[in-house]
Amino acid sequence: MTHETPSMIDTFKKTLLAGLGAAVVTKDKVQSGLEDFVKQGKITAAEAQSIAEKIAEEGRKEFNHASSKLGDKVREVLAYADTKHLPRIEALEKRVAALEKKPEKNHKSHAKS
């Protein structure tokens, strides 16, 4: 299982980073939209900046919360898999070790002359 774990964790990291990238794109779009409101005189530049910062902070909080929950779930799944499969793997390893210690039987071939 140790060989699968880094691969699984890398996959989760990539998924989370992709989500973060999507959040950055969304922030850029929000800032673009806010700039349109500033140009139209609906809000001030200071208000636009404040709104953009608030949205970015909320996005970071949500990302951190989701990342933490995902990490907890991954650890939970790995712990479950270890407790369920580890005893079976250890038992199989003992059986293989015992079989490897047994001397091979010599089979004499009866060659016809």
PDB file of N, CA and C in Angstrom:
ATOM      1  N   MET A   1       0.818  -1.187   0.000  1.00  0.00           N
ATOM      2  CA  MET A   1       0.000   0.000   0.000  1.00  0.00           C
ATOM      3  C   MET A   1       0.863   1.252   0.000  1.00  0.00           C
ATOM      4  N   THR A   2       2.069   1.144   0.487  1.00  0.00           N
ATOM      5  CA  THR A   2       2.927   2.323   0.552  1.00  0.00           C
ATOM      6  C   THR A   2       3.254   2.866  -0.823  1.00  0.00           C
ATOM      7  N   HIS A   3       3.221   2.014  -1.855  1.00  0.00           N
ATOM      8  CA  HIS A   3       3.503   2.499  -3.204  1.00  0.00           C
ATOM      9  C   HIS A   3       2.335   3.309  -3.747  1.00  0.00           C
ATOM     10  N   GLU A   4       1.110   2.986  -3.342  1.00  0.00           N
ATOM     11  CA  GLU A   4      -0.070   3.696  -3.828  1.00  0.00           C
ATOM     12  C   GLU A   4      -0.253   5.033  -3.132  1.00  0.00           C
ATOM     13  N   THR A   5       0.144   5.142  -1.887  1.00  0.00           N
ATOM     14  CA  THR A   5      -0.115   6.330  -1.098  1.00  0.00           C
ATOM     15  C   THR A   5       0.454   7.608  -1.712  1.00  0.00           C
ATOM     16  N   PRO A   6       1.745   7.678  -2.095  1.00  0.00           N
ATOM     17  CA  PRO A   6       2.229   8.924  -2.685  1.00  0.00           C
ATOM     18  C   PRO A   6       1.470   9.294  -3.952  1.00  0.00           C
ATOM     19  N   SER A   7       1.148   8.318  -4.766  1.00  0.00           N
ATOM     20  CA  SER A   7       0.415   8.577  -5.989  1.00  0.00           C
ATOM     21  C   SER A   7      -0.963   9.152  -5.674  1.00  0.00           C
ATOM     22  N   MET A   8      -1.641   8.582  -4.696  1.00  0.00           N
ATOM     23  CA  MET A   8      -2.961   9.044  -4.310  1.00  0.00           C
ATOM     24  C   MET A   8      -2.872  10.469  -3.754  1.00  0.00           C
ATOM     25  N   ILE A   9      -1.895  10.715  -2.918  1.00  0.00           N
ATOM     26  CA  ILE A   9      -1.728  12.044  -2.327  1.00  0.00           C
ATOM     27  C   ILE A   9      -1.393  13.065  -3.409  1.00  0.00           C
ATOM     28  N   ASP A  10      -0.538  12.686  -4.360  1.00  0.00           N
ATOM     29  CA  ASP A  10      -0.221  13.592  -5.473  1.00  0.00           C
ATOM     30  C   ASP A  10      -1.474  13.943  -6.262  1.00  0.00           C
ATOM     31  N   THR A  11      -2.324  12.958  -6.474  1.00  0.00           N
ATOM     32  CA  THR A  11      -3.573  13.206  -7.203  1.00  0.00           C
ATOM     33  C   THR A  11      -4.437  14.201  -6.447  1.00  0.00           C
ATOM     34  N   PHE A  12      -4.547  14.032  -5.136  1.00  0.00           N
ATOM     35  CA  PHE A  12      -5.342  14.968  -4.347  1.00  0.00           C
ATOM     36  C   PHE A  12      -4.747  16.369  -4.391  1.00  0.00           C
ATOM     37  N   LYS A  13      -3.415  16.449  -4.301  1.00  0.00           N
ATOM     38  CA  LYS A  13      -2.762  17.762  -4.362  1.00  0.00           C
ATOM     39  C   LYS A  13      -3.052  18.453  -5.679  1.00  0.00           C
ATOM     40  N   LYS A  14      -2.934  17.704  -6.770  1.00  0.00           N
ATOM     41  CA  LYS A  14      -3.194  18.280  -8.085  1.00  0.00           C
ATOM     42  C   LYS A  14      -4.638  18.750  -8.201  1.00  0.00           C
ATOM     43  N   THR A  15      -5.553  17.972  -7.630  1.00  0.00           N
ATOM     44  CA  THR A  15      -6.965  18.351  -7.659  1.00  0.00           C
ATOM     45  C   THR A  15      -7.187  19.638  -6.875  1.00  0.00           C
ATOM     46  N   LEU A  16      -6.569  19.721  -5.710  1.00  0.00           N
ATOM     47  CA  LEU A  16      -6.715  20.927  -4.896  1.00  0.00           C
ATOM     48  C   LEU A  16      -6.091  22.134  -5.580  1.00  0.00           C
ATOM     49  N   LEU A  17      -4.922  21.952  -6.183  1.00  0.00           N
ATOM     50  CA  LEU A  17      -4.273  23.057  -6.873  1.00  0.00           C
ATOM     51  C   LEU A  17      -5.087  23.510  -8.079  1.00  0.00           C
ATOM     52  N   ALA A  18      -5.727  22.566  -8.743  1.00  0.00           N
ATOM     53  CA  ALA A  18      -6.598  22.932  -9.863  1.00  0.00           C
ATOM     54  C   ALA A  18      -7.761  23.771  -9.351  1.00  0.00           C
ATOM     55  N   GLY A  19      -8.288  23.404  -8.188  1.00  0.00           N
ATOM     56  CA  GLY A  19      -9.362  24.192  -7.575  1.00  0.00           C
ATOM     57  C   GLY A  19      -8.894  25.586  -7.216  1.00  0.00           C
ATOM     58  N   LEU A  20      -7.681  25.684  -6.721  1.00  0.00           N
ATOM     59  CA  LEU A  20      -7.119  26.988  -6.389  1.00  0.00           C
ATOM     60  C   LEU A  20      -6.958  27.824  -7.648  1.00  0.00           C
ATOM     61  N   GLY A  21      -6.514  27.198  -8.721  1.00  0.00           N
ATOM     62  CA  GLY A  21      -6.388  27.904  -9.994  1.00  0.00           C
ATOM     63  C   GLY A  21      -7.734  28.434 -10.456  1.00  0.00           C
ATOM     64  N   ALA A  22      -8.780  27.644 -10.279  1.00  0.00           N
ATOM     65  CA  ALA A  22     -10.127  28.092 -10.650  1.00  0.00           C
ATOM     66  C   ALA A  22     -10.543  29.274  -9.795  1.00  0.00           C
ATOM     67  N   ALA A  23     -10.167  29.273  -8.509  1.00  0.00           N
ATOM     68  CA  ALA A  23     -10.497  30.393  -7.631  1.00  0.00           C
ATOM     69  C   ALA A  23      -9.794  31.663  -8.080  1.00  0.00           C
ATOM     70  N   VAL A  24      -8.549  31.543  -8.529  1.00  0.00           N
ATOM     71  CA  VAL A  24      -7.799  32.710  -9.001  1.00  0.00           C
ATOM     72  C   VAL A  24      -8.457  33.276 -10.247  1.00  0.00           C
ATOM     73  N   VAL A  25      -8.856  32.408 -11.165  1.00  0.00           N
ATOM     74  CA  VAL A  25      -9.534  32.865 -12.379  1.00  0.00           C
ATOM     75  C   VAL A  25     -10.814  33.593 -12.000  1.00  0.00           C
ATOM     76  N   THR A  26     -11.558  33.050 -11.057  1.00  0.00           N
ATOM     77  CA  THR A  26     -12.794  33.677 -10.622  1.00  0.00           C
ATOM     78  C   THR A  26     -12.507  35.046 -10.014  1.00  0.00           C
ATOM     79  N   LYS A  27     -11.453  35.152  -9.212  1.00  0.00           N
ATOM     80  CA  LYS A  27     -11.092  36.434  -8.605  1.00  0.00           C
ATOM     81  C   LYS A  27     -10.769  37.454  -9.693  1.00  0.00           C
ATOM     82  N   ASP A  28     -10.038  37.026 -10.717  1.00  0.00           N
ATOM     83  CA  ASP A  28      -9.721  37.931 -11.822  1.00  0.00           C
ATOM     84  C   ASP A  28     -10.994  38.407 -12.509  1.00  0.00           C
ATOM     85  N   LYS A  29     -11.926  37.515 -12.697  1.00  0.00           N
ATOM     86  CA  LYS A  29     -13.198  37.886 -13.325  1.00  0.00           C
ATOM     87  C   LYS A  29     -13.980  38.853 -12.442  1.00  0.00           C
ATOM     88  N   VAL A  30     -13.957  38.603 -11.133  1.00  0.00           N
ATOM     89  CA  VAL A  30     -14.652  39.498 -10.196  1.00  0.00           C
ATOM     90  C   VAL A  30     -14.034  40.890 -10.255  1.00  0.00           C
ATOM     91  N   GLN A  31     -12.691  40.932 -10.237  1.00  0.00           N
ATOM     92  CA  GLN A  31     -12.026  42.234 -10.307  1.00  0.00           C
ATOM     93  C   GLN A  31     -12.359  42.945 -11.615  1.00  0.00           C
ATOM     94  N   SER A  32     -12.428  42.207 -12.692  1.00  0.00           N
ATOM     95  CA  SER A  32     -12.781  42.795 -13.981  1.00  0.00           C
ATOM     96  C   SER A  32     -14.196  43.376 -13.935  1.00  0.00           C
ATOM     97  N   GLY A  33     -15.103  42.609 -13.364  1.00  0.00           N
ATOM     98  CA  GLY A  33     -16.486  43.086 -13.221  1.00  0.00           C
ATOM     99  C   GLY A  33     -16.575  44.308 -12.325  1.00  0.00           C
ATOM    100  N   LEU A  34     -15.806  44.310 -11.256  1.00  0.00           N
ATOM    101  CA  LEU A  34     -15.804  45.457 -10.352  1.00  0.00           C
ATOM    102  C   LEU A  34     -15.250  46.700 -11.043  1.00  0.00           C
ATOM    103  N   GLU A  35     -14.235  46.502 -11.877  1.00  0.00           N
ATOM    104  CA  GLU A  35     -13.679  47.644 -12.620  1.00  0.00           C
ATOM    105  C   GLU A  35     -14.742  48.253 -13.535  1.00  0.00           C
ATOM    106  N   ASP A  36     -15.596  47.410 -14.096  1.00  0.00           N
ATOM    107  CA  ASP A  36     -16.694  47.924 -14.921  1.00  0.00           C
ATOM    108  C   ASP A  36     -17.641  48.780 -14.080  1.00  0.00           C
ATOM    109  N   PHE A  37     -17.935  48.328 -12.852  1.00  0.00           N
ATOM    110  CA  PHE A  37     -18.807  49.112 -11.971  1.00  0.00           C
ATOM    111  C   PHE A  37     -18.167  50.451 -11.609  1.00  0.00           C
ATOM    112  N   VAL A  38     -16.842  50.433 -11.396  1.00  0.00           N
ATOM    113  CA  VAL A  38     -16.127  51.673 -11.073  1.00  0.00           C
ATOM    114  C   VAL A  38     -16.231  52.641 -12.255  1.00  0.00           C
ATOM    115  N   LYS A  39     -16.000  52.135 -13.468  1.00  0.00           N
ATOM    116  CA  LYS A  39     -16.076  52.975 -14.667  1.00  0.00           C
ATOM    117  C   LYS A  39     -17.478  53.560 -14.852  1.00  0.00           C
ATOM    118  N   GLN A  40     -18.479  52.792 -14.469  1.00  0.00           N
ATOM    119  CA  GLN A  40     -19.865  53.257 -14.599  1.00  0.00           C
ATOM    120  C   GLN A  40     -20.266  54.175 -13.446  1.00  0.00           C
ATOM    121  N   GLY A  41     -19.410  54.298 -12.444  1.00  0.00           N
ATOM    122  CA  GLY A  41     -19.689  55.171 -11.313  1.00  0.00           C
ATOM    123  C   GLY A  41     -20.625  54.561 -10.283  1.00  0.00           C
ATOM    124  N   LYS A  42     -20.848  53.256 -10.355  1.00  0.00           N
ATOM    125  CA  LYS A  42     -21.757  52.594  -9.408  1.00  0.00           C
ATOM    126  C   LYS A  42     -21.092  52.363  -8.052  1.00  0.00           C
ATOM    127  N   ILE A  43     -19.769  52.151  -8.060  1.00  0.00           N
ATOM    128  CA  ILE A  43     -18.996  52.010  -6.818  1.00  0.00           C
ATOM    129  C   ILE A  43     -17.676  52.745  -6.990  1.00  0.00           C
ATOM    130  N   THR A  44     -17.033  53.026  -5.865  1.00  0.00           N
ATOM    131  CA  THR A  44     -15.730  53.691  -5.928  1.00  0.00           C
ATOM    132  C   THR A  44     -14.625  52.652  -6.073  1.00  0.00           C
ATOM    133  N   ALA A  45     -13.443  53.112  -6.439  1.00  0.00           N
ATOM    134  CA  ALA A  45     -12.293  52.213  -6.565  1.00  0.00           C
ATOM    135  C   ALA A  45     -11.967  51.575  -5.218  1.00  0.00           C
ATOM    136  N   ALA A  46     -12.107  52.333  -4.142  1.00  0.00           N
ATOM    137  CA  ALA A  46     -11.831  51.805  -2.798  1.00  0.00           C
ATOM    138  C   ALA A  46     -12.836  50.706  -2.453  1.00  0.00           C
ATOM    139  N   GLU A  47     -14.105  50.910  -2.815  1.00  0.00           N
ATOM    140  CA  GLU A  47     -15.116  49.887  -2.555  1.00  0.00           C
ATOM    141  C   GLU A  47     -14.822  48.629  -3.377  1.00  0.00           C
ATOM    142  N   ALA A  48     -14.420  48.821  -4.612  1.00  0.00           N
ATOM    143  CA  ALA A  48     -14.090  47.690  -5.472  1.00  0.00           C
ATOM    144  C   ALA A  48     -12.933  46.895  -4.878  1.00  0.00           C
ATOM    145  N   GLN A  49     -11.918  47.603  -4.399  1.00  0.00           N
ATOM    146  CA  GLN A  49     -10.760  46.948  -3.786  1.00  0.00           C
ATOM    147  C   GLN A  49     -11.182  46.170  -2.547  1.00  0.00           C
ATOM    148  N   SER A  50     -12.018  46.787  -1.725  1.00  0.00           N
ATOM    149  CA  SER A  50     -12.493  46.156  -0.496  1.00  0.00           C
ATOM    150  C   SER A  50     -13.298  44.893  -0.814  1.00  0.00           C
ATOM    151  N   ILE A  51     -14.171  44.989  -1.799  1.00  0.00           N
ATOM    152  CA  ILE A  51     -14.988  43.839  -2.180  1.00  0.00           C
ATOM    153  C   ILE A  51     -14.096  42.708  -2.713  1.00  0.00           C
ATOM    154  N   ALA A  52     -13.139  43.047  -3.562  1.00  0.00           N
ATOM    155  CA  ALA A  52     -12.240  42.041  -4.134  1.00  0.00           C
ATOM    156  C   ALA A  52     -11.433  41.348  -3.032  1.00  0.00           C
ATOM    157  N   GLU A  53     -10.950  42.120  -2.058  1.00  0.00           N
ATOM    158  CA  GLU A  53     -10.181  41.533  -0.955  1.00  0.00           C
ATOM    159  C   GLU A  53     -11.061  40.608  -0.112  1.00  0.00           C
ATOM    160  N   LYS A  54     -12.308  41.034   0.120  1.00  0.00           N
ATOM    161  CA  LYS A  54     -13.219  40.219   0.914  1.00  0.00           C
ATOM    162  C   LYS A  54     -13.516  38.896   0.199  1.00  0.00           C
ATOM    163  N   ILE A  55     -13.771  38.973  -1.102  1.00  0.00           N
ATOM    164  CA  ILE A  55     -14.045  37.760  -1.869  1.00  0.00           C
ATOM    165  C   ILE A  55     -12.817  36.843  -1.871  1.00  0.00           C
ATOM    166  N   ALA A  56     -11.634  37.426  -2.042  1.00  0.00           N
ATOM    167  CA  ALA A  56     -10.401  36.625  -2.044  1.00  0.00           C
ATOM    168  C   ALA A  56     -10.191  35.949  -0.690  1.00  0.00           C
ATOM    169  N   GLU A  57     -10.435  36.678   0.393  1.00  0.00           N
ATOM    170  CA  GLU A  57     -10.263  36.105   1.737  1.00  0.00           C
ATOM    171  C   GLU A  57     -11.262  34.978   1.981  1.00  0.00           C
ATOM    172  N   GLU A  58     -12.510  35.187   1.576  1.00  0.00           N
ATOM    173  CA  GLU A  58     -13.512  34.129   1.736  1.00  0.00           C
ATOM    174  C   GLU A  58     -13.132  32.903   0.911  1.00  0.00           C
ATOM    175  N   GLY A  59     -12.606  33.118  -0.283  1.00  0.00           N
ATOM    176  CA  GLY A  59     -12.163  32.005  -1.123  1.00  0.00           C
ATOM    177  C   GLY A  59     -11.026  31.230  -0.478  1.00  0.00           C
ATOM    178  N   ARG A  60     -10.072  31.960   0.111  1.00  0.00           N
ATOM    179  CA  ARG A  60      -8.950  31.288   0.798  1.00  0.00           C
ATOM    180  C   ARG A  60      -9.452  30.481   1.985  1.00  0.00           C
ATOM    181  N   LYS A  61     -10.389  31.065   2.743  1.00  0.00           N
ATOM    182  CA  LYS A  61     -10.931  30.343   3.902  1.00  0.00           C
ATOM    183  C   LYS A  61     -11.645  29.068   3.453  1.00  0.00           C
ATOM    184  N   GLU A  62     -12.464  29.180   2.425  1.00  0.00           N
ATOM    185  CA  GLU A  62     -13.182  28.013   1.925  1.00  0.00           C
ATOM    186  C   GLU A  62     -12.211  26.959   1.404  1.00  0.00           C
ATOM    187  N   PHE A  63     -11.185  27.407   0.687  1.00  0.00           N
ATOM    188  CA  PHE A  63     -10.188  26.476   0.158  1.00  0.00           C
ATOM    189  C   PHE A  63      -9.472  25.762   1.302  1.00  0.00           C
ATOM    190  N   ASN A  64      -9.042  26.517   2.309  1.00  0.00           N
ATOM    191  CA  ASN A  64      -8.334  25.916   3.448  1.00  0.00           C
ATOM    192  C   ASN A  64      -9.230  24.936   4.190  1.00  0.00           C
ATOM    193  N   HIS A  65     -10.490  25.297   4.357  1.00  0.00           N
ATOM    194  CA  HIS A  65     -11.436  24.419   5.041  1.00  0.00           C
ATOM    195  C   HIS A  65     -11.638  23.133   4.238  1.00  0.00           C
ATOM    196  N   ALA A  66     -11.860  23.265   2.939  1.00  0.00           N
ATOM    197  CA  ALA A  66     -12.060  22.097   2.082  1.00  0.00           C
ATOM    198  C   ALA A  66     -10.803  21.233   2.051  1.00  0.00           C
ATOM    199  N   SER A  67      -9.649  21.870   1.991  1.00  0.00           N
ATOM    200  CA  SER A  67      -8.378  21.143   1.968  1.00  0.00           C
ATOM    201  C   SER A  67      -8.200  20.352   3.258  1.00  0.00           C
ATOM    202  N   SER A  68      -8.526  20.968   4.377  1.00  0.00           N
ATOM    203  CA  SER A  68      -8.408  20.303   5.668  1.00  0.00           C
ATOM    204  C   SER A  68      -9.358  19.103   5.757  1.00  0.00           C
ATOM    205  N   LYS A  69     -10.598  19.296   5.329  1.00  0.00           N
ATOM    206  CA  LYS A  69     -11.573  18.203   5.363  1.00  0.00           C
ATOM    207  C   LYS A  69     -11.134  17.065   4.454  1.00  0.00           C
ATOM    208  N   LEU A  70     -10.617  17.403   3.288  1.00  0.00           N
ATOM    209  CA  LEU A  70     -10.159  16.374   2.359  1.00  0.00           C
ATOM    210  C   LEU A  70      -8.980  15.605   2.956  1.00  0.00           C
ATOM    211  N   GLY A  71      -8.056  16.322   3.567  1.00  0.00           N
ATOM    212  CA  GLY A  71      -6.913  15.670   4.215  1.00  0.00           C
ATOM    213  C   GLY A  71      -7.366  14.711   5.304  1.00  0.00           C
ATOM    214  N   ASP A  72      -8.347  15.145   6.098  1.00  0.00           N
ATOM    215  CA  ASP A  72      -8.891  14.277   7.147  1.00  0.00           C
ATOM    216  C   ASP A  72      -9.508  13.013   6.547  1.00  0.00           C
ATOM    217  N   LYS A  73     -10.253  13.179   5.462  1.00  0.00           N
ATOM    218  CA  LYS A  73     -10.897  12.033   4.820  1.00  0.00           C
ATOM    219  C   LYS A  73      -9.860  11.070   4.231  1.00  0.00           C
ATOM    220  N   VAL A  74      -8.819  11.623   3.625  1.00  0.00           N
ATOM    221  CA  VAL A  74      -7.770  10.778   3.059  1.00  0.00           C
ATOM    222  C   VAL A  74      -7.110   9.967   4.162  1.00  0.00           C
ATOM    223  N   ARG A  75      -6.782  10.619   5.276  1.00  0.00           N
ATOM    224  CA  ARG A  75      -6.166   9.898   6.401  1.00  0.00           C
ATOM    225  C   ARG A  75      -7.122   8.822   6.939  1.00  0.00           C
ATOM    226  N   GLU A  76      -8.397   9.143   6.995  1.00  0.00           N
ATOM    227  CA  GLU A  76      -9.398   8.189   7.478  1.00  0.00           C
ATOM    228  C   GLU A  76      -9.475   6.963   6.555  1.00  0.00           C
ATOM    229  N   VAL A  77      -9.506   7.203   5.256  1.00  0.00           N
ATOM    230  CA  VAL A  77      -9.574   6.103   4.297  1.00  0.00           C
ATOM    231  C   VAL A  77      -8.313   5.246   4.361  1.00  0.00           C
ATOM    232  N   LEU A  78      -7.154   5.891   4.427  1.00  0.00           N
ATOM    233  CA  LEU A  78      -5.902   5.139   4.498  1.00  0.00           C
ATOM    234  C   LEU A  78      -5.811   4.332   5.793  1.00  0.00           C
ATOM    235  N   ALA A  79      -6.263   4.904   6.900  1.00  0.00           N
ATOM    236  CA  ALA A  79      -6.241   4.183   8.176  1.00  0.00           C
ATOM    237  C   ALA A  79      -7.169   2.981   8.106  1.00  0.00           C
ATOM    238  N   TYR A  80      -8.348   3.165   7.498  1.00  0.00           N
ATOM    239  CA  TYR A  80      -9.293   2.054   7.354  1.00  0.00           C
ATOM    240  C   TYR A  80      -8.685   0.953   6.493  1.00  0.00           C
ATOM    241  N   ALA A  81      -8.097   1.350   5.387  1.00  0.00           N
ATOM    242  CA  ALA A  81      -7.487   0.358   4.488  1.00  0.00           C
ATOM    243  C   ALA A  81      -6.372  -0.389   5.201  1.00  0.00           C
ATOM    244  N   ASP A  82      -5.570   0.338   5.974  1.00  0.00           N
ATOM    245  CA  ASP A  82      -4.482  -0.309   6.707  1.00  0.00           C
ATOM    246  C   ASP A  82      -5.017  -1.307   7.722  1.00  0.00           C
ATOM    247  N   THR A  83      -6.030  -0.925   8.486  1.00  0.00           N
ATOM    248  CA  THR A  83      -6.553  -1.819   9.521  1.00  0.00           C
ATOM    249  C   THR A  83      -7.269  -3.008   8.910  1.00  0.00           C
ATOM    250  N   LYS A  84      -7.853  -2.828   7.742  1.00  0.00           N
ATOM    251  CA  LYS A  84      -8.579  -3.924   7.104  1.00  0.00           C
ATOM    252  C   LYS A  84      -7.631  -4.874   6.365  1.00  0.00           C
ATOM    253  N   HIS A  85      -6.683  -4.325   5.639  1.00  0.00           N
ATOM    254  CA  HIS A  85      -5.851  -5.147   4.765  1.00  0.00           C
ATOM    255  C   HIS A  85      -4.485  -5.508   5.351  1.00  0.00           C
ATOM    256  N   LEU A  86      -3.969  -4.707   6.247  1.00  0.00           N
ATOM    257  CA  LEU A  86      -2.630  -4.964   6.789  1.00  0.00           C
ATOM    258  C   LEU A  86      -2.515  -6.336   7.456  1.00  0.00           C
ATOM    259  N   PRO A  87      -3.466  -6.733   8.293  1.00  0.00           N
ATOM    260  CA  PRO A  87      -3.339  -8.071   8.892  1.00  0.00           C
ATOM    261  C   PRO A  87      -3.318  -9.186   7.843  1.00  0.00           C
ATOM    262  N   ARG A  88      -4.103  -9.047   6.789  1.00  0.00           N
ATOM    263  CA  ARG A  88      -4.117 -10.056   5.723  1.00  0.00           C
ATOM    264  C   ARG A  88      -2.776 -10.081   4.994  1.00  0.00           C
ATOM    265  N   ILE A  89      -2.236  -8.917   4.728  1.00  0.00           N
ATOM    266  CA  ILE A  89      -0.941  -8.840   4.035  1.00  0.00           C
ATOM    267  C   ILE A  89       0.150  -9.460   4.895  1.00  0.00           C
ATOM    268  N   GLU A  90       0.135  -9.138   6.200  1.00  0.00           N
ATOM    269  CA  GLU A  90       1.149  -9.702   7.101  1.00  0.00           C
ATOM    270  C   GLU A  90       1.036 -11.223   7.167  1.00  0.00           C
ATOM    271  N   ALA A  91      -0.190 -11.742   7.195  1.00  0.00           N
ATOM    272  CA  ALA A  91      -0.390 -13.191   7.241  1.00  0.00           C
ATOM    273  C   ALA A  91       0.141 -13.842   5.962  1.00  0.00           C
ATOM    274  N   LEU A  92      -0.127 -13.214   4.830  1.00  0.00           N
ATOM    275  CA  LEU A  92       0.378 -13.747   3.559  1.00  0.00           C
ATOM    276  C   LEU A  92       1.903 -13.706   3.504  1.00  0.00           C
ATOM    277  N   GLU A  93       2.484 -12.630   4.015  1.00  0.00           N
ATOM    278  CA  GLU A  93       3.947 -12.538   4.038  1.00  0.00           C
ATOM    279  C   GLU A  93       4.549 -13.645   4.890  1.00  0.00           C
ATOM    280  N   LYS A  94       3.921 -13.971   6.009  1.00  0.00           N
ATOM    281  CA  LYS A  94       4.416 -15.053   6.870  1.00  0.00           C
ATOM    282  C   LYS A  94       4.316 -16.392   6.153  1.00  0.00           C
ATOM    283  N   ARG A  95       3.199 -16.605   5.441  1.00  0.00           N
ATOM    284  CA  ARG A  95       3.032 -17.859   4.701  1.00  0.00           C
ATOM    285  C   ARG A  95       4.087 -17.996   3.610  1.00  0.00           C
ATOM    286  N   VAL A  96       4.336 -16.910   2.884  1.00  0.00           N
ATOM    287  CA  VAL A  96       5.350 -16.941   1.835  1.00  0.00           C
ATOM    288  C   VAL A  96       6.716 -17.218   2.435  1.00  0.00           C
ATOM    289  N   ALA A  97       7.036 -16.555   3.543  1.00  0.00           N
ATOM    290  CA  ALA A  97       8.331 -16.769   4.196  1.00  0.00           C
ATOM    291  C   ALA A  97       8.469 -18.225   4.634  1.00  0.00           C
ATOM    292  N   ALA A  98       7.404 -18.797   5.171  1.00  0.00           N
ATOM    293  CA  ALA A  98       7.447 -20.199   5.613  1.00  0.00           C
ATOM    294  C   ALA A  98       7.631 -21.125   4.417  1.00  0.00           C
ATOM    295  N   LEU A  99       6.955 -20.829   3.333  1.00  0.00           N
ATOM    296  CA  LEU A  99       7.095 -21.658   2.132  1.00  0.00           C
ATOM    297  C   LEU A  99       8.497 -21.555   1.537  1.00  0.00           C
ATOM    298  N   GLU A 100       9.080 -20.385   1.605  1.00  0.00           N
ATOM    299  CA  GLU A 100      10.430 -20.203   1.067  1.00  0.00           C
ATOM    300  C   GLU A 100      11.470 -20.948   1.892  1.00  0.00           C
ATOM    301  N   LYS A 101      11.205 -21.187   3.156  1.00  0.00           N
ATOM    302  CA  LYS A 101      12.150 -21.894   4.025  1.00  0.00           C
ATOM    303  C   LYS A 101      12.105 -23.400   3.835  1.00  0.00           C
ATOM    304  N   LYS A 102      11.000 -23.951   3.298  1.00  0.00           N
ATOM    305  CA  LYS A 102      10.881 -25.395   3.115  1.00  0.00           C
ATOM    306  C   LYS A 102      11.878 -25.866   2.056  1.00  0.00           C
ATOM    307  N   PRO A 103      12.556 -26.958   2.333  1.00  0.00           N
ATOM    308  CA  PRO A 103      13.497 -27.478   1.332  1.00  0.00           C
ATOM    309  C   PRO A 103      12.721 -28.074   0.163  1.00  0.00           C
ATOM    310  N   GLU A 104      13.274 -27.883  -0.997  1.00  0.00           N
ATOM    311  CA  GLU A 104      12.642 -28.442  -2.186  1.00  0.00           C
ATOM    312  C   GLU A 104      12.862 -29.952  -2.208  1.00  0.00           C
ATOM    313  N   LYS A 105      11.848 -30.658  -2.651  1.00  0.00           N
ATOM    314  CA  LYS A 105      11.967 -32.117  -2.767  1.00  0.00           C
ATOM    315  C   LYS A 105      12.751 -32.415  -4.040  1.00  0.00           C
ATOM    316  N   ASN A 106      13.658 -33.350  -3.907  1.00  0.00           N
ATOM    317  CA  ASN A 106      14.444 -33.750  -5.091  1.00  0.00           C
ATOM    318  C   ASN A 106      13.640 -34.751  -5.889  1.00  0.00           C
ATOM    319  N   HIS A 107      13.318 -34.362  -7.075  1.00  0.00           N
ATOM    320  CA  HIS A 107      12.627 -35.274  -7.980  1.00  0.00           C
ATOM    321  C   HIS A 107      13.656 -35.855  -8.934  1.00  0.00           C
ATOM    322  N   LYS A 108      13.883 -37.172  -8.804  1.00  0.00           N
ATOM    323  CA  LYS A 108      14.846 -37.819  -9.696  1.00  0.00           C
ATOM    324  C   LYS A 108      14.102 -38.209 -10.961  1.00  0.00           C
ATOM    325  N   SER A 109      14.655 -37.765 -12.032  1.00  0.00           N
ATOM    326  CA  SER A 109      14.026 -38.161 -13.286  1.00  0.00           C
ATOM    327  C   SER A 109      14.567 -39.509 -13.691  1.00  0.00           C
ATOM    328  N   HIS A 110      13.696 -40.321 -14.152  1.00  0.00           N
ATOM    329  CA  HIS A 110      14.102 -41.663 -14.590  1.00  0.00           C
ATOM    330  C   HIS A 110      14.342 -41.611 -16.100  1.00  0.00           C
ATOM    331  N   ALA A 111      15.569 -41.409 -16.433  1.00  0.00           N
ATOM    332  CA  ALA A 111      15.919 -41.329 -17.849  1.00  0.00           C
ATOM    333  C   ALA A 111      16.100 -42.716 -18.390  1.00  0.00           C
ATOM    334  N   LYS A 112      15.531 -42.971 -19.531  1.00  0.00           N
ATOM    335  CA  LYS A 112      15.678 -44.283 -20.161  1.00  0.00           C
ATOM    336  C   LYS A 112      16.952 -44.301 -20.970  1.00  0.00           C
ATOM    337  N   SER A 113      17.678 -45.367 -20.820  1.00  0.00           N
ATOM    338  CA  SER A 113      18.936 -45.484 -21.553  1.00  0.00           C
ATOM    339  C   SER A 113      18.755 -46.138 -22.872  1.00  0.00           C
TER     340      SER A 113
END
